N, C-alpha and C. Protein backbone atom coordinates (compact mmCIF):
# COMPACT_ATOMS: atom_id res chain seq x y z
N MET A 1 207.76 100.02 61.04
CA MET A 1 208.82 99.32 61.75
C MET A 1 209.55 100.25 62.72
N LEU A 2 209.82 101.46 62.24
CA LEU A 2 210.52 102.44 63.06
C LEU A 2 209.66 102.85 64.26
N LYS A 3 208.34 102.94 64.05
CA LYS A 3 207.44 103.28 65.16
C LYS A 3 207.46 102.20 66.23
N LYS A 4 207.46 100.94 65.80
CA LYS A 4 207.48 99.83 66.76
C LYS A 4 208.77 99.83 67.56
N LEU A 5 209.87 100.10 66.91
CA LEU A 5 211.16 100.15 67.59
C LEU A 5 211.19 101.29 68.60
N ALA A 6 210.70 102.45 68.22
CA ALA A 6 210.66 103.61 69.12
C ALA A 6 209.74 103.33 70.31
N LEU A 7 208.59 102.70 70.04
CA LEU A 7 207.66 102.36 71.11
C LEU A 7 208.28 101.35 72.08
N THR A 8 208.99 100.37 71.56
CA THR A 8 209.66 99.38 72.40
C THR A 8 210.73 100.01 73.27
N VAL A 9 211.54 100.88 72.69
CA VAL A 9 212.58 101.58 73.46
C VAL A 9 211.95 102.43 74.55
N MET A 10 210.86 103.14 74.22
CA MET A 10 210.18 103.97 75.21
C MET A 10 209.62 103.12 76.36
N MET A 11 209.01 102.00 76.04
CA MET A 11 208.45 101.15 77.08
C MET A 11 209.54 100.57 77.98
N LEU A 12 210.66 100.15 77.38
CA LEU A 12 211.76 99.64 78.19
C LEU A 12 212.34 100.72 79.09
N SER A 13 212.41 101.93 78.61
CA SER A 13 212.89 103.05 79.44
C SER A 13 211.97 103.29 80.62
N MET A 14 210.68 103.21 80.39
CA MET A 14 209.71 103.41 81.48
C MET A 14 209.82 102.30 82.52
N ILE A 15 209.98 101.09 82.05
CA ILE A 15 210.08 99.95 82.97
C ILE A 15 211.32 100.09 83.85
N THR A 16 212.46 100.42 83.27
CA THR A 16 213.68 100.55 84.07
C THR A 16 213.60 101.73 85.02
N ALA A 17 212.91 102.80 84.63
CA ALA A 17 212.75 103.95 85.53
C ALA A 17 211.91 103.58 86.74
N CYS A 18 210.89 102.77 86.55
CA CYS A 18 210.04 102.35 87.67
C CYS A 18 210.73 101.34 88.57
N ALA A 19 211.67 100.59 88.03
CA ALA A 19 212.33 99.54 88.81
C ALA A 19 213.47 100.06 89.65
N SER A 20 213.92 101.27 89.42
CA SER A 20 215.07 101.78 90.18
C SER A 20 214.66 102.14 91.60
N THR A 21 215.61 102.06 92.52
CA THR A 21 215.37 102.40 93.92
C THR A 21 215.54 103.89 94.11
N ARG A 22 214.57 104.50 94.73
CA ARG A 22 214.66 105.92 95.01
C ARG A 22 214.77 106.12 96.51
N SER A 23 215.69 106.97 96.91
CA SER A 23 215.82 107.29 98.32
C SER A 23 216.02 108.78 98.46
N LYS A 24 215.63 109.29 99.61
CA LYS A 24 215.75 110.71 99.89
C LYS A 24 216.49 110.86 101.20
N GLN A 25 217.57 111.62 101.18
CA GLN A 25 218.36 111.84 102.38
C GLN A 25 218.72 113.31 102.45
N ASP A 26 218.69 113.86 103.64
CA ASP A 26 219.02 115.26 103.80
C ASP A 26 220.53 115.49 103.86
N ALA A 27 220.91 116.76 103.92
CA ALA A 27 222.33 117.12 104.02
C ALA A 27 222.54 118.09 105.18
N ASN A 28 221.87 117.84 106.28
CA ASN A 28 221.98 118.73 107.44
C ASN A 28 223.33 118.59 108.13
N PRO A 29 223.76 119.63 108.84
CA PRO A 29 225.02 119.53 109.58
C PRO A 29 224.92 118.58 110.77
N ALA A 30 226.06 118.25 111.33
CA ALA A 30 226.11 117.33 112.47
C ALA A 30 225.25 117.83 113.62
N TYR A 31 224.66 116.89 114.32
CA TYR A 31 223.84 117.12 115.51
C TYR A 31 222.61 117.97 115.23
N ALA A 32 222.14 117.99 113.99
CA ALA A 32 220.87 118.61 113.62
C ALA A 32 219.86 117.48 113.39
N SER A 33 218.64 117.83 113.12
CA SER A 33 217.64 116.81 112.79
C SER A 33 217.90 116.28 111.38
N HIS A 34 217.72 114.97 111.21
CA HIS A 34 217.98 114.32 109.93
C HIS A 34 216.82 113.43 109.55
N GLN A 35 216.79 113.08 108.25
CA GLN A 35 215.78 112.14 107.78
C GLN A 35 216.29 111.38 106.57
N PHE A 36 215.76 110.17 106.43
CA PHE A 36 216.07 109.32 105.29
C PHE A 36 214.80 108.57 104.95
N SER A 37 214.52 108.40 103.67
CA SER A 37 213.37 107.58 103.29
C SER A 37 213.62 106.93 101.95
N ASN A 38 213.06 105.77 101.78
CA ASN A 38 213.05 105.08 100.51
C ASN A 38 211.75 104.29 100.42
N HIS A 39 211.67 103.31 99.56
CA HIS A 39 210.42 102.58 99.38
C HIS A 39 210.14 101.57 100.49
N GLU A 40 211.04 101.44 101.48
CA GLU A 40 210.86 100.47 102.56
C GLU A 40 210.69 101.12 103.93
N VAL A 41 211.57 102.06 104.25
CA VAL A 41 211.56 102.68 105.57
C VAL A 41 211.69 104.19 105.46
N ALA A 42 211.19 104.87 106.48
CA ALA A 42 211.42 106.30 106.65
C ALA A 42 211.97 106.46 108.07
N ILE A 43 213.12 107.10 108.17
CA ILE A 43 213.77 107.26 109.47
C ILE A 43 214.05 108.74 109.69
N ALA A 44 213.64 109.24 110.85
CA ALA A 44 213.96 110.61 111.25
C ALA A 44 214.69 110.51 112.58
N TRP A 45 215.76 111.30 112.77
CA TRP A 45 216.55 111.20 113.99
C TRP A 45 217.30 112.48 114.27
N LYS A 46 217.73 112.57 115.50
CA LYS A 46 218.61 113.65 115.95
C LYS A 46 219.62 113.03 116.90
N ALA A 47 220.88 113.29 116.66
CA ALA A 47 221.94 112.79 117.53
C ALA A 47 222.38 113.90 118.47
N GLN A 48 222.81 113.51 119.65
CA GLN A 48 223.36 114.49 120.59
C GLN A 48 224.49 113.85 121.37
N GLU A 49 225.46 114.67 121.72
CA GLU A 49 226.58 114.19 122.54
C GLU A 49 226.10 114.00 123.97
N THR A 50 226.62 112.96 124.60
CA THR A 50 226.37 112.72 126.02
C THR A 50 227.72 112.58 126.71
N ASP A 51 227.70 112.43 128.01
CA ASP A 51 228.94 112.24 128.75
C ASP A 51 229.69 110.99 128.30
N LYS A 52 228.93 109.96 127.93
CA LYS A 52 229.54 108.67 127.59
C LYS A 52 229.69 108.43 126.09
N GLY A 53 229.11 109.29 125.25
CA GLY A 53 229.20 109.06 123.80
C GLY A 53 228.18 109.84 123.03
N VAL A 54 227.36 109.11 122.26
CA VAL A 54 226.35 109.73 121.40
C VAL A 54 225.03 109.03 121.63
N ARG A 55 223.97 109.82 121.70
CA ARG A 55 222.61 109.30 121.85
C ARG A 55 221.83 109.70 120.60
N ILE A 56 221.14 108.72 120.00
CA ILE A 56 220.33 108.97 118.82
C ILE A 56 218.88 108.72 119.17
N ASP A 57 218.05 109.75 119.04
CA ASP A 57 216.61 109.64 119.27
C ASP A 57 215.91 109.84 117.94
N GLY A 58 214.93 109.00 117.65
CA GLY A 58 214.23 109.16 116.39
C GLY A 58 213.02 108.27 116.27
N THR A 59 212.51 108.20 115.04
CA THR A 59 211.39 107.32 114.73
C THR A 59 211.73 106.56 113.46
N VAL A 60 211.23 105.34 113.37
CA VAL A 60 211.37 104.52 112.17
C VAL A 60 209.97 104.11 111.74
N GLN A 61 209.72 104.18 110.44
CA GLN A 61 208.39 103.87 109.91
C GLN A 61 208.51 102.84 108.80
N ASN A 62 207.63 101.86 108.82
CA ASN A 62 207.49 100.92 107.71
C ASN A 62 206.63 101.62 106.67
N VAL A 63 207.23 102.00 105.55
CA VAL A 63 206.52 102.72 104.50
C VAL A 63 205.47 101.81 103.85
N ARG A 64 205.77 100.53 103.78
CA ARG A 64 204.85 99.55 103.18
C ARG A 64 204.03 98.90 104.29
N GLN A 65 203.10 99.63 104.86
CA GLN A 65 202.37 99.17 106.04
C GLN A 65 201.53 97.93 105.79
N ASP A 66 201.22 97.64 104.54
CA ASP A 66 200.45 96.43 104.24
C ASP A 66 201.31 95.17 104.32
N ILE A 67 202.64 95.35 104.40
CA ILE A 67 203.56 94.22 104.50
C ILE A 67 204.40 94.38 105.78
N PRO A 68 204.01 93.75 106.88
CA PRO A 68 204.81 93.86 108.11
C PRO A 68 206.18 93.22 107.95
N TYR A 69 207.18 93.85 108.54
CA TYR A 69 208.54 93.31 108.51
C TYR A 69 208.75 92.45 109.74
N ALA A 70 209.37 91.30 109.57
CA ALA A 70 209.71 90.44 110.69
C ALA A 70 211.12 90.78 111.15
N SER A 71 211.30 90.91 112.45
CA SER A 71 212.63 91.10 113.04
C SER A 71 213.37 92.32 112.51
N LEU A 72 212.75 93.47 112.52
CA LEU A 72 213.41 94.70 112.05
C LEU A 72 214.51 95.08 113.03
N GLN A 73 215.71 95.33 112.47
CA GLN A 73 216.84 95.78 113.27
C GLN A 73 217.41 97.04 112.64
N LEU A 74 217.75 98.01 113.49
CA LEU A 74 218.37 99.25 113.06
C LEU A 74 219.71 99.36 113.76
N THR A 75 220.80 99.42 112.98
CA THR A 75 222.15 99.49 113.52
C THR A 75 222.78 100.82 113.17
N ALA A 76 223.41 101.46 114.17
CA ALA A 76 224.12 102.72 113.96
C ALA A 76 225.59 102.51 114.28
N LYS A 77 226.45 102.91 113.33
CA LYS A 77 227.90 102.82 113.52
C LYS A 77 228.46 104.23 113.45
N LEU A 78 229.34 104.57 114.39
CA LEU A 78 230.03 105.85 114.38
C LEU A 78 231.39 105.64 113.70
N LEU A 79 231.66 106.43 112.67
CA LEU A 79 232.88 106.28 111.88
C LEU A 79 233.78 107.51 112.02
N ASP A 80 235.09 107.29 111.92
CA ASP A 80 236.01 108.42 111.90
C ASP A 80 236.19 108.90 110.45
N ALA A 81 237.06 109.87 110.23
CA ALA A 81 237.26 110.45 108.90
C ALA A 81 237.80 109.44 107.88
N LYS A 82 238.45 108.38 108.36
CA LYS A 82 239.00 107.36 107.46
C LYS A 82 238.02 106.21 107.23
N GLY A 83 236.83 106.28 107.83
CA GLY A 83 235.84 105.23 107.66
C GLY A 83 235.95 104.10 108.66
N LYS A 84 236.84 104.23 109.64
CA LYS A 84 237.01 103.19 110.66
C LYS A 84 235.85 103.26 111.66
N VAL A 85 235.30 102.11 112.00
CA VAL A 85 234.19 102.03 112.96
C VAL A 85 234.73 102.28 114.37
N MET A 86 234.25 103.34 115.00
CA MET A 86 234.66 103.68 116.36
C MET A 86 233.77 102.99 117.41
N ALA A 87 232.48 102.84 117.08
CA ALA A 87 231.54 102.18 117.98
C ALA A 87 230.26 101.88 117.21
N LYS A 88 229.49 100.90 117.70
CA LYS A 88 228.20 100.60 117.06
C LYS A 88 227.24 100.00 118.07
N GLU A 89 225.96 100.19 117.79
CA GLU A 89 224.88 99.61 118.61
C GLU A 89 223.72 99.27 117.69
N THR A 90 222.90 98.30 118.12
CA THR A 90 221.75 97.85 117.34
C THR A 90 220.48 97.93 118.18
N LYS A 91 219.41 98.43 117.57
CA LYS A 91 218.08 98.45 118.19
C LYS A 91 217.24 97.42 117.45
N THR A 92 216.64 96.50 118.19
CA THR A 92 215.80 95.45 117.61
C THR A 92 214.34 95.73 117.95
N PHE A 93 213.49 95.66 116.94
CA PHE A 93 212.05 95.83 117.12
C PHE A 93 211.44 94.44 117.05
N SER A 94 210.91 93.97 118.17
CA SER A 94 210.41 92.60 118.24
C SER A 94 209.04 92.48 117.57
N GLY A 95 208.74 91.28 117.12
CA GLY A 95 207.45 91.00 116.50
C GLY A 95 207.37 91.50 115.07
N ARG A 96 206.16 91.64 114.59
CA ARG A 96 205.91 92.12 113.23
C ARG A 96 205.87 93.64 113.26
N PHE A 97 206.64 94.29 112.40
CA PHE A 97 206.75 95.74 112.39
C PHE A 97 205.97 96.30 111.20
N ALA A 98 204.88 97.05 111.48
CA ALA A 98 204.03 97.55 110.41
C ALA A 98 203.78 99.05 110.48
N GLY A 99 204.05 99.70 111.57
CA GLY A 99 203.71 101.11 111.71
C GLY A 99 204.91 101.99 111.89
N THR A 100 204.80 102.89 112.85
CA THR A 100 205.87 103.82 113.20
C THR A 100 206.18 103.66 114.67
N GLU A 101 207.46 103.62 115.01
CA GLU A 101 207.86 103.50 116.42
C GLU A 101 209.04 104.41 116.71
N PRO A 102 209.06 104.99 117.92
CA PRO A 102 210.23 105.75 118.34
C PRO A 102 211.36 104.81 118.73
N PHE A 103 212.58 105.32 118.66
CA PHE A 103 213.72 104.53 119.09
C PHE A 103 214.76 105.44 119.72
N THR A 104 215.57 104.85 120.58
CA THR A 104 216.73 105.51 121.17
C THR A 104 217.89 104.53 121.10
N ILE A 105 219.02 105.02 120.60
CA ILE A 105 220.23 104.20 120.55
C ILE A 105 221.33 104.97 121.27
N GLU A 106 221.84 104.39 122.34
CA GLU A 106 222.96 104.97 123.10
C GLU A 106 224.24 104.28 122.64
N ILE A 107 225.21 105.06 122.16
CA ILE A 107 226.46 104.48 121.68
C ILE A 107 227.62 105.04 122.49
N PRO A 108 228.18 104.24 123.38
CA PRO A 108 229.34 104.72 124.14
C PRO A 108 230.57 104.80 123.24
N VAL A 109 231.27 105.93 123.31
CA VAL A 109 232.50 106.11 122.55
C VAL A 109 233.39 107.08 123.32
N GLU A 110 234.67 106.78 123.37
CA GLU A 110 235.59 107.58 124.17
C GLU A 110 236.00 108.88 123.48
N ASN A 111 236.40 108.81 122.22
CA ASN A 111 236.93 109.97 121.53
C ASN A 111 235.88 110.55 120.58
N LYS A 112 234.97 111.38 121.09
CA LYS A 112 233.89 111.94 120.29
C LYS A 112 234.38 112.96 119.27
N GLU A 113 235.53 113.54 119.50
CA GLU A 113 236.05 114.57 118.60
C GLU A 113 236.41 114.02 117.22
N CYS A 114 236.74 112.74 117.14
CA CYS A 114 237.17 112.17 115.86
C CYS A 114 236.00 111.61 115.04
N LEU A 115 234.77 111.73 115.54
CA LEU A 115 233.63 111.19 114.81
C LEU A 115 233.33 112.03 113.59
N ASP A 116 233.12 111.35 112.47
CA ASP A 116 232.90 112.06 111.21
C ASP A 116 231.58 111.68 110.55
N GLU A 117 231.19 110.41 110.65
CA GLU A 117 230.00 109.93 109.97
C GLU A 117 229.22 108.98 110.84
N LEU A 118 227.94 108.88 110.52
CA LEU A 118 227.05 107.93 111.14
C LEU A 118 226.57 107.01 110.02
N ASP A 119 226.82 105.73 110.16
CA ASP A 119 226.45 104.74 109.16
C ASP A 119 225.28 103.94 109.70
N PHE A 120 224.10 104.14 109.12
CA PHE A 120 222.90 103.40 109.52
C PHE A 120 222.74 102.21 108.60
N SER A 121 222.33 101.09 109.16
CA SER A 121 221.89 99.96 108.35
C SER A 121 220.64 99.39 109.00
N TYR A 122 219.80 98.83 108.18
CA TYR A 122 218.59 98.20 108.69
C TYR A 122 218.43 96.86 108.01
N SER A 123 217.80 95.94 108.72
CA SER A 123 217.56 94.62 108.15
C SER A 123 216.24 94.10 108.70
N TYR A 124 215.64 93.23 107.93
CA TYR A 124 214.41 92.59 108.38
C TYR A 124 214.26 91.27 107.65
N GLY A 125 213.37 90.44 108.17
CA GLY A 125 213.10 89.15 107.56
C GLY A 125 214.03 88.07 108.08
N ARG A 126 213.74 86.87 107.64
CA ARG A 126 214.53 85.71 108.03
C ARG A 126 214.74 84.83 106.82
N ASP A 127 215.82 84.13 106.80
CA ASP A 127 216.13 83.12 105.79
C ASP A 127 215.93 83.63 104.37
N GLU A 128 214.90 83.09 103.67
CA GLU A 128 214.74 83.41 102.25
C GLU A 128 214.22 84.82 101.99
N ASP A 129 213.58 85.46 102.96
CA ASP A 129 213.08 86.82 102.73
C ASP A 129 213.91 87.87 103.49
N PHE A 130 215.16 87.55 103.84
CA PHE A 130 216.04 88.48 104.55
C PHE A 130 216.45 89.62 103.63
N TYR A 131 216.45 90.85 104.15
CA TYR A 131 216.88 92.02 103.38
C TYR A 131 217.72 92.93 104.27
N LYS A 132 218.74 93.56 103.69
CA LYS A 132 219.56 94.49 104.43
C LYS A 132 219.82 95.70 103.55
N GLY A 133 219.67 96.90 104.12
CA GLY A 133 219.93 98.14 103.41
C GLY A 133 220.65 99.10 104.34
N GLY A 134 221.07 100.25 103.84
CA GLY A 134 221.75 101.19 104.71
C GLY A 134 222.06 102.50 104.01
N PHE A 135 222.59 103.45 104.78
CA PHE A 135 222.97 104.77 104.29
C PHE A 135 223.88 105.43 105.28
N LYS A 136 224.60 106.48 104.84
CA LYS A 136 225.51 107.22 105.71
C LYS A 136 225.05 108.65 105.87
N SER A 137 225.38 109.25 107.02
CA SER A 137 225.04 110.63 107.31
C SER A 137 226.06 111.16 108.30
N VAL A 138 225.94 112.42 108.63
CA VAL A 138 226.71 112.95 109.76
C VAL A 138 225.93 112.65 111.02
N PRO A 139 226.59 112.65 112.20
CA PRO A 139 225.85 112.35 113.44
C PRO A 139 224.69 113.31 113.66
C-alpha cells in the first residue's frame, strides 16, 4: 500500500513538472542584446536610442513550427520607473506565422531619460484559440 502511494505521489509530481511553463530571459543591461524564449516564441532584440525615441531591431521565431500562429502581434511598451506606460507600438505579422522573421519597432517618445523598462507582449490566434503572453526587460 505504501509503495502504491509513493508511486502515485511521484507520478503526480512528474506530471505537474511537465505541465509548468518554462521561460528563459536574460539579464543584460539596457541597450545591449537581449533574448527571451519559452515553449511558444523565441525573441532576440537590441534597442537603441534614436532622435525621436527608441528603435527595437530583432527576430521572432515560432518555436512550435508545426503549428502556425494566426495573426501574430508583438507589442512593445516603454515604461518609467513607476511602471507608467510612456509609449507603445505594435508590429503585426500577417498570414500564418511558422518560421523566423526579423522585425523593427520604432517607438517615438519625448523623455528618453525616464525610461526604465521595456514590456513586451505577444498575441496570436482569433476567437476561441486566442492567446496572449508577455515579459518585461530593460530597453
